[in-house]
């Protein structure tokens, strides 16, 4: 069964939006890795947790785009929706981390300035292997326009959530033609 022109445009829309979300997600994680490996900024445990949505979302976005291209929009919609949920959770984690940096609330016990000494020999060795610097979650290493890495991640994750949700909605309104 051929797609009508309206359904075809929705499929193209979900593909274009999904591709944009994928591009932004890849750019964001490459920027984070660049700040770490080129700029020398050591991520704290919360920073590393905020990368999980990207590590899971990028391959899922790619798979969703393949599904859209192979005219399986319902399956693509499910993947886009799962990616949207991951980035919504990541938005919350970024807001939490920003609040820790601004001292609105306590962060995890393992990465705050209240922990003067490492909790174990493994923590100490890990810190030493990172150039002798143990990154703290409650201290912003960098700010741009008043936002730290965590604040920017929260905004980017919110945009990725919205984009993935829009791609899911667009894909869901397209009929499968591969059946």
Protein backbone atom coordinates (compact mmCIF):
# COMPACT_ATOMS: atom_id res chain seq x y z
CA UNK A 1 0.00 0.00 0.00
CA UNK A 2 1.45 3.38 -1.01
CA UNK A 3 1.62 6.26 1.41
CA UNK A 4 -0.59 9.22 0.65
CA UNK A 5 1.23 12.52 0.15
CA UNK A 6 0.10 13.71 3.60
CA UNK A 7 1.41 10.55 5.29
CA UNK A 8 4.65 10.70 3.30
CA UNK A 9 5.24 14.27 4.45
CA UNK A 10 4.66 13.20 8.07
CA UNK A 11 7.20 10.41 7.65
CA UNK A 12 9.66 12.87 6.16
CA UNK A 13 8.93 15.25 9.01
CA UNK A 14 9.65 12.59 11.62
CA UNK A 15 12.86 11.72 9.78
CA UNK A 16 14.00 15.34 9.56
CA UNK A 17 13.17 16.09 13.18
CA UNK A 18 14.77 12.83 14.33
CA UNK A 19 17.89 13.57 12.29
CA UNK A 20 18.12 17.03 13.86
CA UNK A 21 17.74 15.53 17.35
CA UNK A 22 20.46 12.99 16.51
CA UNK A 23 22.77 15.73 15.21
CA UNK A 24 22.30 17.89 18.32
CA UNK A 25 22.78 14.90 20.65
CA UNK A 26 26.02 13.91 18.90
CA UNK A 27 27.25 17.52 18.96
CA UNK A 28 26.44 17.82 22.68
CA UNK A 29 28.26 14.65 23.74
CA UNK A 30 31.24 15.43 21.51
CA UNK A 31 31.40 18.88 23.10
CA UNK A 32 31.35 17.34 26.59
CA UNK A 33 34.07 14.87 25.62
CA UNK A 34 36.07 17.69 24.04
CA UNK A 35 35.91 19.76 27.22
CA UNK A 36 37.12 16.70 29.12
CA UNK A 37 39.83 15.34 26.85
CA UNK A 38 41.03 18.52 25.14
CA UNK A 39 40.08 21.21 27.65
CA UNK A 40 41.14 19.22 30.70
CA UNK A 41 37.87 19.56 32.63
CA UNK A 42 37.36 16.51 34.82
CA UNK A 43 33.72 15.36 35.06
CA UNK A 44 32.23 14.60 38.44
CA UNK A 45 30.04 11.52 39.02
CA UNK A 46 26.84 13.46 38.24
CA UNK A 47 28.40 14.78 35.01
CA UNK A 48 29.17 11.22 33.97
CA UNK A 49 25.60 10.10 34.78
CA UNK A 50 24.24 12.86 32.56
CA UNK A 51 26.06 11.30 29.61
CA UNK A 52 24.08 8.06 29.86
CA UNK A 53 21.08 9.53 28.01
CA UNK A 54 23.37 10.43 25.12
CA UNK A 55 25.11 7.05 25.06
CA UNK A 56 21.76 5.25 24.95
CA UNK A 57 19.86 7.86 22.95
CA UNK A 58 22.23 8.25 20.02
CA UNK A 59 22.08 4.61 18.84
CA UNK A 60 18.33 4.54 19.52
CA UNK A 61 17.84 7.68 17.43
CA UNK A 62 19.85 6.14 14.61
CA UNK A 63 17.75 2.98 14.78
CA UNK A 64 14.54 5.05 14.76
CA UNK A 65 15.72 6.86 11.64
CA UNK A 66 16.41 3.52 9.97
CA UNK A 67 12.89 2.42 10.90
CA UNK A 68 11.38 5.59 9.46
CA UNK A 69 13.39 5.14 6.26
CA UNK A 70 12.23 1.51 6.00
CA UNK A 71 8.63 2.66 6.41
CA UNK A 72 8.12 1.28 9.92
CA UNK A 73 6.99 4.51 11.56
CA UNK A 74 5.13 2.91 14.49
CA UNK A 75 8.27 1.14 15.69
CA UNK A 76 10.22 4.36 15.09
CA UNK A 77 7.66 6.28 17.15
CA UNK A 78 8.24 3.94 20.09
CA UNK A 79 12.00 4.47 19.91
CA UNK A 80 11.63 8.23 19.54
CA UNK A 81 9.33 8.23 22.57
CA UNK A 82 11.81 6.22 24.67
CA UNK A 83 14.57 8.64 23.70
CA UNK A 84 12.30 11.54 24.68
CA UNK A 85 11.80 9.96 28.12
CA UNK A 86 15.56 9.47 28.53
CA UNK A 87 16.20 13.13 27.77
CA UNK A 88 13.38 14.23 30.05
CA UNK A 89 15.02 12.27 32.87
CA UNK A 90 18.35 13.80 31.89
CA UNK A 91 16.79 17.27 32.10
CA UNK A 92 15.80 16.49 35.68
CA UNK A 93 19.29 15.22 36.47
CA UNK A 94 20.82 18.38 34.99
CA UNK A 95 18.50 20.56 37.08
CA UNK A 96 19.36 18.51 40.19
CA UNK A 97 23.08 18.87 39.48
CA UNK A 98 22.72 22.62 38.89
CA UNK A 99 20.91 22.92 42.23
CA UNK A 100 23.77 21.09 43.91
CA UNK A 101 26.24 23.52 42.32
CA UNK A 102 24.20 26.51 43.49
CA UNK A 103 23.99 24.93 46.98
CA UNK A 104 20.19 24.76 46.86
CA UNK A 105 20.37 21.17 48.13
CA UNK A 106 22.90 18.51 49.02
CA UNK A 107 24.44 16.36 46.35
CA UNK A 108 25.56 12.76 46.56
CA UNK A 109 27.85 12.09 49.50
CA UNK A 110 30.65 10.85 47.26
CA UNK A 111 31.24 14.05 45.33
CA UNK A 112 30.65 17.08 47.54
CA UNK A 113 33.06 19.45 49.21
CA UNK A 114 31.91 18.13 52.58
CA UNK A 115 33.81 14.94 51.85
CA UNK A 116 37.36 16.06 52.64
CA UNK A 117 38.97 12.67 52.13
CA UNK A 118 38.25 9.95 49.60
CA UNK A 119 35.89 7.27 50.89
CA UNK A 120 38.21 4.41 49.99
CA UNK A 121 41.60 3.59 48.57
CA UNK A 122 39.85 2.99 45.24
CA UNK A 123 38.43 6.53 45.34
CA UNK A 124 41.88 7.90 46.07
CA UNK A 125 43.48 5.90 43.26
CA UNK A 126 40.76 6.98 40.87
CA UNK A 127 41.34 10.59 41.79
CA UNK A 128 45.08 10.27 41.35
CA UNK A 129 44.66 8.63 37.95
CA UNK A 130 42.68 11.73 36.89
CA UNK A 131 45.71 13.94 37.38
CA UNK A 132 45.35 14.30 41.14
CA UNK A 133 42.05 16.17 40.92
CA UNK A 134 38.91 14.67 42.38
CA UNK A 135 36.00 16.42 40.67
CA UNK A 136 33.28 17.66 42.99
CA UNK A 137 29.60 17.83 42.04
CA UNK A 138 28.95 20.94 44.12
CA UNK A 139 31.54 23.13 42.42
CA UNK A 140 31.00 24.43 38.90
CA UNK A 141 34.25 24.28 36.95
CA UNK A 142 32.94 26.51 34.14
CA UNK A 143 30.09 28.90 33.45
CA UNK A 144 28.87 30.60 30.30
CA UNK A 145 26.03 33.14 30.43
CA UNK A 146 25.53 32.16 34.06
CA UNK A 147 24.99 28.45 33.35
CA UNK A 148 27.36 25.63 34.22
CA UNK A 149 27.90 22.48 32.19
CA UNK A 150 24.99 20.94 34.11
CA UNK A 151 22.73 23.91 33.39
CA UNK A 152 23.53 23.81 29.67
CA UNK A 153 22.97 20.07 29.67
CA UNK A 154 19.54 20.58 31.25
CA UNK A 155 18.55 23.05 28.52
CA UNK A 156 19.93 20.90 25.70
CA UNK A 157 18.27 17.79 27.14
CA UNK A 158 14.95 19.64 27.36
CA UNK A 159 15.26 20.62 23.69
CA UNK A 160 16.18 17.03 22.77
CA UNK A 161 13.17 15.79 24.75
CA UNK A 162 10.87 18.14 22.83
CA UNK A 163 12.41 17.20 19.49
CA UNK A 164 12.25 13.46 20.10
CA UNK A 165 8.65 13.79 21.31
CA UNK A 166 7.75 15.72 18.14
CA UNK A 167 9.45 13.06 15.99
CA UNK A 168 7.54 10.35 17.88
CA UNK A 169 4.25 12.16 17.36
CA UNK A 170 4.92 12.68 13.67
CA UNK A 171 5.95 9.06 13.17
CA UNK A 172 2.93 7.79 15.11
CA UNK A 173 0.58 9.60 12.76
CA UNK A 174 2.06 7.83 9.73
CA UNK A 175 0.68 4.45 8.65
CA UNK A 176 3.00 1.46 8.25
CA UNK A 177 3.32 0.57 4.59
CA UNK A 178 5.67 -2.39 5.01
CA UNK A 179 2.88 -4.74 6.07
